[in-house]
Amino acid sequence: MTRHSKPSRSAVNKIFGEELPKTSVDEREDDPSARETEHETWLRDNIPPHHK
């Protein structure tokens, strides 16, 4: 069997068109207060007319 070398990051970027993040979403620090604010803003912006 032949051993394949790992493709370089630039080769992957050339194929997929953008740089992949170094960490996944579940590994990143998340600001829960920002997420809560975004959620509350969405809820306020999307109140059905019969609830106003």
C-alpha atoms as a PDB file:
ATOM      1  CA  MET A   1       0.000   0.000   0.000  1.00  0.00           C
ATOM      2  CA  THR A   2       1.104   3.509  -0.637  1.00  0.00           C
ATOM      3  CA  ARG A   3       0.976   6.066   2.099  1.00  0.00           C
ATOM      4  CA  HIS A   4      -0.864   9.300   1.280  1.00  0.00           C
ATOM      5  CA  SER A   5       0.382  12.562   2.672  1.00  0.00           C
ATOM      6  CA  LYS A   6      -2.029  14.958   4.338  1.00  0.00           C
ATOM      7  CA  PRO A   7      -3.032  17.738   1.904  1.00  0.00           C
ATOM      8  CA  SER A   8      -1.882  21.205   2.847  1.00  0.00           C
ATOM      9  CA  ARG A   9      -4.375  23.783   4.105  1.00  0.00           C
ATOM     10  CA  SER A  10      -3.843  25.866   0.955  1.00  0.00           C
ATOM     11  CA  ALA A  11      -4.716  22.854  -1.221  1.00  0.00           C
ATOM     12  CA  VAL A  12      -7.942  22.350   0.740  1.00  0.00           C
ATOM     13  CA  ASN A  13      -8.747  26.071   0.461  1.00  0.00           C
ATOM     14  CA  LYS A  14      -8.137  25.910  -3.285  1.00  0.00           C
ATOM     15  CA  ILE A  15     -10.704  23.107  -3.596  1.00  0.00           C
ATOM     16  CA  PHE A  16     -13.353  24.458  -1.205  1.00  0.00           C
ATOM     17  CA  GLY A  17     -12.806  28.174  -1.795  1.00  0.00           C
ATOM     18  CA  GLU A  18     -12.445  29.365   1.800  1.00  0.00           C
ATOM     19  CA  GLU A  19     -10.340  28.691   4.827  1.00  0.00           C
ATOM     20  CA  LEU A  20     -11.823  26.211   7.250  1.00  0.00           C
ATOM     21  CA  PRO A  21     -11.939  27.355  10.893  1.00  0.00           C
ATOM     22  CA  LYS A  22      -9.263  25.962  13.189  1.00  0.00           C
ATOM     23  CA  THR A  23     -11.864  25.032  15.823  1.00  0.00           C
ATOM     24  CA  SER A  24     -15.364  23.680  15.559  1.00  0.00           C
ATOM     25  CA  VAL A  25     -18.429  25.537  16.851  1.00  0.00           C
ATOM     26  CA  ASP A  26     -18.653  23.386  19.980  1.00  0.00           C
ATOM     27  CA  GLU A  27     -15.006  24.128  20.865  1.00  0.00           C
ATOM     28  CA  ARG A  28     -15.349  27.920  20.737  1.00  0.00           C
ATOM     29  CA  GLU A  29     -16.178  30.144  23.671  1.00  0.00           C
ATOM     30  CA  ASP A  30     -19.773  31.242  23.459  1.00  0.00           C
ATOM     31  CA  ASP A  31     -21.156  34.410  24.954  1.00  0.00           C
ATOM     32  CA  PRO A  32     -24.528  33.292  26.396  1.00  0.00           C
ATOM     33  CA  SER A  33     -25.661  36.871  27.067  1.00  0.00           C
ATOM     34  CA  ALA A  34     -25.212  37.806  23.394  1.00  0.00           C
ATOM     35  CA  ARG A  35     -27.104  34.715  22.304  1.00  0.00           C
ATOM     36  CA  GLU A  36     -29.937  35.489  24.722  1.00  0.00           C
ATOM     37  CA  THR A  37     -30.133  39.070  23.487  1.00  0.00           C
ATOM     38  CA  GLU A  38     -30.281  37.921  19.859  1.00  0.00           C
ATOM     39  CA  HIS A  39     -33.035  35.470  20.752  1.00  0.00           C
ATOM     40  CA  GLU A  40     -35.056  38.094  22.621  1.00  0.00           C
ATOM     41  CA  THR A  41     -34.643  40.572  19.758  1.00  0.00           C
ATOM     42  CA  TRP A  42     -35.869  37.977  17.287  1.00  0.00           C
ATOM     43  CA  LEU A  43     -38.876  37.208  19.471  1.00  0.00           C
ATOM     44  CA  ARG A  44     -39.785  40.899  19.796  1.00  0.00           C
ATOM     45  CA  ASP A  45     -39.409  41.452  16.055  1.00  0.00           C
ATOM     46  CA  ASN A  46     -41.596  38.464  15.220  1.00  0.00           C
ATOM     47  CA  ILE A  47     -44.589  38.975  17.525  1.00  0.00           C
ATOM     48  CA  PRO A  48     -47.760  37.974  15.670  1.00  0.00           C
ATOM     49  CA  PRO A  49     -50.167  40.895  15.078  1.00  0.00           C
ATOM     50  CA  HIS A  50     -52.847  39.389  17.299  1.00  0.00           C
ATOM     51  CA  HIS A  51     -50.457  39.559  20.307  1.00  0.00           C
ATOM     52  CA  LYS A  52     -49.697  43.274  20.012  1.00  0.00           C
END
